[in-house]
Amino acid sequence: MTDRLINLYSDTQTRPTPEMRAAIASAEVGDEQKFEDPSVNRLCELVAELTGKAAAMFLPSGTMCNEIAILVHCRPGDEIYADATAHITNFEAGGPAAFAGAVTHSIDGINGIYSPERLADSIRQPTRYSPTPRLVVVEQTSNLGGGTVWPLETMRAVTDVGRSHGLSTHMDGARLPNAVVASGHSFADHAAGFDTVWIDLSKGLGCPVGAVLAGSEDFIEAAWKWKQRLGGAMRQGGIVAAAGVYAFEHHLDRLADDHANARRFAELVADVDGVDIDLETVQTNMVFADVGATGSTAAELSASLEQEGVRIGAMGPTTLRIVTHLDVSTDQIETAAAVFRRVVSS
């Protein structure tokens, strides 16, 4: 990747700012496994406080957060309820089945958001012939839903249904910071109905690596066993945890800029012939564009755009995903939109 490339492939493409690098370089460190790393401890305390949970754990990735949460909540043969677009189903290499022996029941929602009625209809009556209902999962924001934000009332109704059936609840909070900024509701408001929740540091917050999983003290104690088993335990982890502390203190409010840039891009290209963008789904930092009517595939257009200095990912045969983040300025959005219009119209 060159500095001249406008990279709208993903918010995971962000690089630490000079100020974040300085925080990393000056981080206080110690043995994370012995709870002697001040930077890791501070990050975990901060996330626990933000989400309203009793304890938290620093992990290398969000996928590990999801898989450890599932391993603690579920036993082999248990069933997980999630939207059909969920990350745990589509992008974790079959992890729930491979690690926990759990099966995922996909619910067809709208833009990645399913209703409490759909969940209630999906939950099986326990019998010796069927998987055991165990866990309800919500992904906030919904990636394949277009970066859409689950409304609080919908989430609370969904978790109420889960609890009424004796199920545990888990939030995949990969882009929860985006939902917080877009909705104006706090982290604790979003996490209130969930037993467990995690926040990714390496997306909109701009850290080079890491995520934080939060829950009850008993949950985190059980999760540490799996952290050790899966190789997620670290030593002087404060080197990277310090980036997370810096991000929460300096990069949270600026997510509104990413949201405005995504909206600006969508509005600039929505009228291109053959391009279909649902502006109602552009709620945070993502734009999904269906280019099927252009006569070109998404992969072909993605390759052509990159040759012109704009990197946009193909998410399917006819779908392009545009993701804004702190490494892309408003001026670059204007340039990228002009390139998009020219390439797609040619």
Protein backbone atom coordinates (compact mmCIF):
# COMPACT_ATOMS: atom_id res chain seq x y z
CA MET A 1 0.00 0.00 0.00
CA THR A 2 1.39 3.39 -0.97
CA ASP A 3 0.62 6.70 0.67
CA ARG A 4 -1.00 7.82 -2.59
CA LEU A 5 -3.59 5.05 -2.48
CA ILE A 6 -6.99 6.03 -1.10
CA ASN A 7 -7.77 2.92 0.90
CA LEU A 8 -11.50 2.35 1.39
CA TYR A 9 -11.18 -1.44 1.63
CA SER A 10 -11.79 -1.67 5.37
CA ASP A 11 -11.37 0.24 8.61
CA THR A 12 -8.96 -2.55 9.58
CA GLN A 13 -6.49 -0.88 7.18
CA THR A 14 -5.85 2.01 9.58
CA ARG A 15 -2.32 2.68 10.77
CA PRO A 16 -1.44 4.10 14.19
CA THR A 17 -1.06 7.87 14.23
CA PRO A 18 2.22 9.43 15.36
CA GLU A 19 0.58 10.28 18.68
CA MET A 20 -0.58 6.68 19.14
CA ARG A 21 2.91 5.46 18.29
CA ALA A 22 4.27 7.74 21.01
CA ALA A 23 1.79 6.27 23.50
CA ILE A 24 2.94 2.79 22.50
CA ALA A 25 6.60 3.72 22.86
CA SER A 26 6.10 5.15 26.35
CA ALA A 27 3.74 2.43 27.62
CA GLU A 28 4.20 1.07 31.11
CA VAL A 29 4.42 -2.70 30.88
CA GLY A 30 4.60 -5.80 33.04
CA ASP A 31 3.53 -9.44 33.02
CA GLU A 32 -0.03 -9.46 31.71
CA GLN A 33 -0.64 -13.03 32.86
CA LYS A 34 0.17 -12.03 36.43
CA PHE A 35 -2.01 -8.89 36.13
CA GLU A 36 1.13 -6.78 36.54
CA ASP A 37 0.89 -4.84 33.28
CA PRO A 38 -0.44 -1.34 34.12
CA SER A 39 -1.43 -0.54 30.54
CA VAL A 40 -3.39 -3.77 30.06
CA ASN A 41 -5.05 -3.33 33.44
CA ARG A 42 -6.03 0.25 32.61
CA LEU A 43 -7.53 -0.78 29.25
CA CYS A 44 -9.55 -3.60 30.79
CA GLU A 45 -10.81 -1.37 33.59
CA LEU A 46 -11.79 1.29 31.07
CA VAL A 47 -13.78 -1.12 28.87
CA ALA A 48 -15.46 -2.77 31.86
CA GLU A 49 -16.51 0.66 33.11
CA LEU A 50 -17.71 1.82 29.68
CA THR A 51 -19.80 -1.30 29.08
CA GLY A 52 -21.13 -1.57 32.62
CA LYS A 53 -19.60 -5.00 33.16
CA ALA A 54 -17.70 -6.28 36.19
CA ALA A 55 -14.52 -7.35 34.41
CA ALA A 56 -12.76 -7.43 31.05
CA MET A 57 -9.95 -9.20 29.22
CA PHE A 58 -7.52 -8.01 26.55
CA LEU A 59 -7.22 -10.35 23.55
CA PRO A 60 -5.34 -10.31 20.24
CA SER A 61 -8.45 -10.19 18.03
CA GLY A 62 -12.20 -9.83 17.90
CA THR A 63 -12.58 -13.28 16.42
CA MET A 64 -10.87 -14.71 19.51
CA CYS A 65 -13.30 -12.70 21.66
CA ASN A 66 -16.26 -14.27 19.87
CA GLU A 67 -14.86 -17.77 20.00
CA ILE A 68 -13.89 -17.61 23.67
CA ALA A 69 -17.32 -16.21 24.55
CA ILE A 70 -18.97 -19.08 22.68
CA LEU A 71 -16.68 -21.61 24.36
CA VAL A 72 -17.66 -20.33 27.80
CA HIS A 73 -21.37 -20.02 27.06
CA CYS A 74 -21.88 -23.21 25.04
CA ARG A 75 -21.30 -26.96 25.17
CA PRO A 76 -21.10 -29.39 22.23
CA GLY A 77 -24.51 -29.76 20.61
CA ASP A 78 -25.75 -26.35 21.77
CA GLU A 79 -27.42 -23.93 19.38
CA ILE A 80 -26.57 -20.28 18.77
CA TYR A 81 -29.10 -17.83 17.31
CA ALA A 82 -27.70 -15.08 15.07
CA ASP A 83 -28.58 -13.16 11.93
CA ALA A 84 -27.77 -14.91 8.67
CA THR A 85 -25.15 -12.23 7.95
CA ALA A 86 -23.37 -12.65 11.30
CA HIS A 87 -19.59 -12.62 11.49
CA ILE A 88 -19.52 -15.79 13.61
CA THR A 89 -21.28 -17.64 10.77
CA ASN A 90 -19.58 -16.16 7.72
CA PHE A 91 -16.06 -15.03 8.63
CA GLU A 92 -14.66 -17.17 11.46
CA ALA A 93 -13.81 -20.34 9.53
CA GLY A 94 -16.50 -22.40 11.23
CA GLY A 95 -15.06 -21.58 14.65
CA PRO A 96 -18.21 -22.20 16.73
CA ALA A 97 -18.45 -25.74 15.35
CA ALA A 98 -14.70 -26.42 15.30
CA PHE A 99 -14.00 -25.22 18.86
CA ALA A 100 -17.23 -25.40 20.84
CA GLY A 101 -19.10 -28.02 18.84
CA ALA A 102 -22.00 -25.58 18.64
CA VAL A 103 -24.34 -25.09 15.71
CA THR A 104 -25.58 -21.74 14.45
CA HIS A 105 -29.23 -21.15 13.63
CA SER A 106 -29.41 -18.34 11.06
CA ILE A 107 -32.25 -15.84 11.32
CA ASP A 108 -33.23 -13.78 8.28
CA GLY A 109 -33.28 -10.19 9.44
CA ILE A 110 -33.46 -6.89 7.57
CA ASN A 111 -30.07 -5.29 6.94
CA GLY A 112 -28.53 -7.62 9.52
CA ILE A 113 -31.11 -6.86 12.21
CA TYR A 114 -33.64 -9.51 13.18
CA SER A 115 -36.80 -8.96 15.18
CA PRO A 116 -37.69 -10.40 18.60
CA GLU A 117 -40.59 -12.19 16.90
CA ARG A 118 -38.20 -13.88 14.47
CA LEU A 119 -35.99 -14.95 17.35
CA ALA A 120 -38.95 -16.33 19.31
CA ASP A 121 -40.08 -18.33 16.27
CA SER A 122 -36.55 -19.74 15.82
CA ILE A 123 -35.93 -20.98 19.36
CA ARG A 124 -36.60 -24.70 19.54
CA GLN A 125 -38.58 -26.44 22.22
CA PRO A 126 -35.94 -28.54 23.98
CA THR A 127 -36.14 -32.22 23.10
CA ARG A 128 -33.63 -35.05 23.11
CA TYR A 129 -33.67 -34.95 19.29
CA SER A 130 -32.64 -31.34 18.73
CA PRO A 131 -29.71 -29.06 19.59
CA THR A 132 -30.00 -27.36 22.96
CA PRO A 133 -30.92 -23.65 22.71
CA ARG A 134 -28.12 -21.74 24.42
CA LEU A 135 -26.99 -18.36 23.09
CA VAL A 136 -28.37 -15.25 21.36
CA VAL A 137 -25.86 -13.16 19.39
CA VAL A 138 -26.23 -9.60 18.09
CA GLU A 139 -23.60 -7.94 15.88
CA GLN A 140 -23.37 -4.18 16.48
CA THR A 141 -23.03 -2.59 13.98
CA SER A 142 -24.11 -5.12 11.37
CA ASN A 143 -21.28 -5.43 8.86
CA LEU A 144 -23.07 -7.17 6.00
CA GLY A 145 -26.18 -5.22 6.88
CA GLY A 146 -24.34 -2.15 5.64
CA GLY A 147 -22.98 -0.83 8.92
CA THR A 148 -26.50 -0.51 10.27
CA VAL A 149 -27.13 0.24 13.95
CA TRP A 150 -29.36 -1.99 16.03
CA PRO A 151 -31.90 0.27 17.79
CA LEU A 152 -31.80 -0.05 21.58
CA GLU A 153 -35.46 -1.02 21.80
CA THR A 154 -34.95 -3.85 19.30
CA MET A 155 -31.90 -5.18 21.13
CA ARG A 156 -33.66 -5.04 24.47
CA ALA A 157 -36.66 -6.88 23.08
CA VAL A 158 -34.37 -9.52 21.55
CA THR A 159 -32.45 -10.06 24.79
CA ASP A 160 -35.74 -10.21 26.71
CA VAL A 161 -36.88 -13.03 24.43
CA GLY A 162 -33.60 -14.85 24.94
CA ARG A 163 -33.75 -14.53 28.71
CA SER A 164 -37.37 -15.68 28.79
CA HIS A 165 -36.14 -18.94 27.23
CA GLY A 166 -33.20 -19.24 29.61
CA LEU A 167 -30.60 -18.32 26.99
CA SER A 168 -27.36 -16.39 27.43
CA THR A 169 -26.78 -13.24 25.37
CA HIS A 170 -23.63 -12.02 23.62
CA MET A 171 -22.86 -8.86 21.65
CA ASP A 172 -20.29 -8.98 18.87
CA GLY A 173 -19.30 -5.34 19.32
CA ALA A 174 -16.74 -5.16 16.54
CA ARG A 175 -18.00 -1.70 15.58
CA LEU A 176 -19.86 -0.84 18.76
CA PRO A 177 -17.97 2.49 19.00
CA ASN A 178 -19.52 3.48 15.66
CA ALA A 179 -22.97 2.60 16.99
CA VAL A 180 -22.36 4.63 20.15
CA VAL A 181 -21.36 7.73 18.19
CA ALA A 182 -24.10 7.36 15.57
CA SER A 183 -26.90 6.72 18.09
CA GLY A 184 -25.86 9.05 20.87
CA HIS A 185 -26.39 6.25 23.40
CA SER A 186 -23.60 5.11 25.70
CA PHE A 187 -21.64 1.87 25.57
CA ALA A 188 -23.44 0.77 28.72
CA ASP A 189 -26.84 1.49 27.15
CA HIS A 190 -25.99 -0.77 24.21
CA ALA A 191 -24.47 -3.52 26.36
CA ALA A 192 -27.09 -3.50 29.13
CA GLY A 193 -29.07 -6.55 28.04
CA PHE A 194 -26.07 -8.72 27.24
CA ASP A 195 -24.14 -11.11 29.43
CA THR A 196 -21.00 -10.51 27.40
CA VAL A 197 -19.74 -7.91 24.94
CA TRP A 198 -16.48 -7.06 23.22
CA ILE A 199 -15.04 -4.03 21.45
CA ASP A 200 -12.55 -4.13 18.59
CA LEU A 201 -9.59 -1.77 18.82
CA SER A 202 -8.24 -2.27 15.29
CA LYS A 203 -11.18 -0.91 13.29
CA GLY A 204 -12.56 2.60 13.72
CA LEU A 205 -10.47 3.25 16.82
CA GLY A 206 -7.34 2.88 14.68
CA CYS A 207 -5.17 0.58 16.80
CA PRO A 208 -2.75 -1.87 15.17
CA VAL A 209 -4.16 -4.93 16.97
CA GLY A 210 -6.43 -6.13 19.75
CA ALA A 211 -9.91 -6.33 21.24
CA VAL A 212 -11.40 -6.38 24.73
CA LEU A 213 -13.99 -8.87 25.99
CA ALA A 214 -16.17 -7.94 28.98
CA GLY A 215 -18.61 -9.77 31.25
CA SER A 216 -19.09 -10.92 34.82
CA GLU A 217 -16.15 -11.81 37.03
CA ASP A 218 -17.07 -15.50 36.81
CA PHE A 219 -17.26 -15.29 33.02
CA ILE A 220 -13.86 -13.61 32.69
CA GLU A 221 -12.31 -16.14 35.06
CA ALA A 222 -13.61 -18.97 32.87
CA ALA A 223 -12.52 -17.10 29.73
CA TRP A 224 -8.93 -16.94 31.00
CA LYS A 225 -8.72 -20.73 30.78
CA TRP A 226 -9.61 -20.53 27.08
CA LYS A 227 -7.33 -17.56 26.52
CA GLN A 228 -4.47 -19.73 27.78
CA ARG A 229 -5.53 -22.76 25.73
CA LEU A 230 -5.90 -20.82 22.48
CA GLY A 231 -2.60 -18.96 22.81
CA GLY A 232 -4.12 -15.56 23.53
CA ALA A 233 -2.23 -15.01 26.78
CA MET A 234 0.54 -12.43 26.51
CA ARG A 235 3.41 -11.10 28.54
CA GLN A 236 4.19 -7.38 28.17
CA GLY A 237 0.93 -6.76 26.34
CA GLY A 238 0.86 -3.15 27.46
CA ILE A 239 2.85 -2.21 24.37
CA VAL A 240 -0.32 -2.71 22.30
CA ALA A 241 -2.89 -2.13 25.06
CA ALA A 242 -1.59 1.43 25.40
CA ALA A 243 -2.81 2.08 21.87
CA GLY A 244 -6.31 1.08 22.99
CA VAL A 245 -6.26 3.45 25.94
CA TYR A 246 -5.08 6.26 23.67
CA ALA A 247 -7.81 5.47 21.13
CA PHE A 248 -10.64 5.61 23.65
CA GLU A 249 -9.33 8.95 24.90
CA HIS A 250 -8.70 10.54 21.48
CA HIS A 251 -10.34 8.67 18.59
CA LEU A 252 -13.89 8.02 19.72
CA ASP A 253 -15.65 11.29 18.94
CA ARG A 254 -13.93 11.58 15.56
CA LEU A 255 -15.83 8.52 14.31
CA ALA A 256 -18.54 11.04 13.41
CA ASP A 257 -16.18 12.28 10.68
CA ASP A 258 -16.02 8.78 9.20
CA HIS A 259 -19.80 8.57 9.21
CA ALA A 260 -20.10 11.94 7.46
CA ASN A 261 -17.51 10.85 4.87
CA ALA A 262 -19.40 7.62 4.15
CA ARG A 263 -22.63 9.58 3.68
CA ARG A 264 -20.83 12.07 1.43
CA PHE A 265 -19.37 9.31 -0.75
CA ALA A 266 -22.74 7.59 -1.06
CA GLU A 267 -24.50 10.78 -2.08
CA LEU A 268 -21.82 11.61 -4.65
CA VAL A 269 -22.09 8.26 -6.47
CA ALA A 270 -25.68 7.15 -5.85
CA ASP A 271 -26.88 8.48 -9.22
CA VAL A 272 -24.26 6.67 -11.33
CA ASP A 273 -25.95 4.52 -13.97
CA GLY A 274 -26.06 0.86 -12.95
CA VAL A 275 -25.19 1.56 -9.30
CA ASP A 276 -27.72 0.86 -6.56
CA ILE A 277 -27.10 2.27 -3.08
CA ASP A 278 -29.70 2.19 -0.32
CA LEU A 279 -29.00 5.47 1.45
CA GLU A 280 -31.16 4.35 4.39
CA THR A 281 -28.50 1.80 5.32
CA VAL A 282 -25.64 4.33 5.28
CA GLN A 283 -25.77 4.94 9.01
CA THR A 284 -22.13 4.69 10.05
CA ASN A 285 -18.87 4.24 8.11
CA MET A 286 -19.92 1.79 5.40
CA VAL A 287 -21.45 2.07 1.94
CA PHE A 288 -22.60 -1.01 0.03
CA ALA A 289 -23.03 -0.52 -3.71
CA ASP A 290 -24.70 -3.07 -5.99
CA VAL A 291 -23.07 -2.72 -9.41
CA GLY A 292 -24.81 -5.62 -11.14
CA ALA A 293 -26.52 -3.36 -13.66
CA THR A 294 -23.23 -1.83 -14.85
CA GLY A 295 -22.32 -4.88 -16.94
CA SER A 296 -19.15 -5.44 -14.91
CA THR A 297 -18.56 -7.65 -11.89
CA ALA A 298 -17.61 -6.21 -8.54
CA ALA A 299 -14.19 -7.85 -8.80
CA GLU A 300 -13.56 -6.26 -12.20
CA LEU A 301 -14.52 -2.81 -10.96
CA SER A 302 -12.47 -3.27 -7.79
CA ALA A 303 -9.38 -4.05 -9.88
CA SER A 304 -10.00 -1.08 -12.19
CA LEU A 305 -10.49 1.29 -9.28
CA GLU A 306 -7.25 0.18 -7.64
CA GLN A 307 -5.37 0.88 -10.86
CA GLU A 308 -6.69 4.43 -10.53
CA GLY A 309 -5.56 4.73 -6.91
CA VAL A 310 -8.72 3.81 -5.02
CA ARG A 311 -8.97 0.51 -3.14
CA ILE A 312 -12.52 -0.77 -2.66
CA GLY A 313 -13.33 -4.38 -1.79
CA ALA A 314 -15.64 -6.73 -3.67
CA MET A 315 -17.99 -8.43 -1.20
CA GLY A 316 -19.71 -10.67 -3.73
CA PRO A 317 -20.31 -10.99 -7.49
CA THR A 318 -22.03 -7.60 -7.75
CA THR A 319 -21.38 -5.85 -4.41
CA LEU A 320 -18.70 -3.32 -3.55
CA ARG A 321 -18.10 -2.27 0.07
CA ILE A 322 -16.71 1.18 0.79
CA VAL A 323 -15.44 1.73 4.36
CA THR A 324 -14.27 5.08 5.73
CA HIS A 325 -11.78 5.50 8.57
CA LEU A 326 -9.25 7.87 10.14
CA ASP A 327 -6.69 7.40 7.34
CA VAL A 328 -9.08 8.87 4.75
CA SER A 329 -9.79 12.60 4.69
CA THR A 330 -12.84 14.41 3.35
CA ASP A 331 -10.77 15.67 0.40
CA GLN A 332 -9.80 12.09 -0.40
CA ILE A 333 -13.45 11.08 -0.27
CA GLU A 334 -14.22 13.72 -2.90
CA THR A 335 -11.38 12.41 -5.06
CA ALA A 336 -12.37 8.76 -4.58
CA ALA A 337 -15.98 9.50 -5.50
CA ALA A 338 -14.86 11.26 -8.71
CA VAL A 339 -12.67 8.29 -9.61
CA PHE A 340 -15.53 5.89 -8.85
CA ARG A 341 -17.91 7.82 -11.11
CA ARG A 342 -15.39 7.86 -13.96
CA VAL A 343 -14.34 4.21 -13.72
CA VAL A 344 -17.80 2.77 -13.25
CA SER A 345 -19.28 4.90 -16.03
CA SER A 346 -16.54 4.09 -18.57
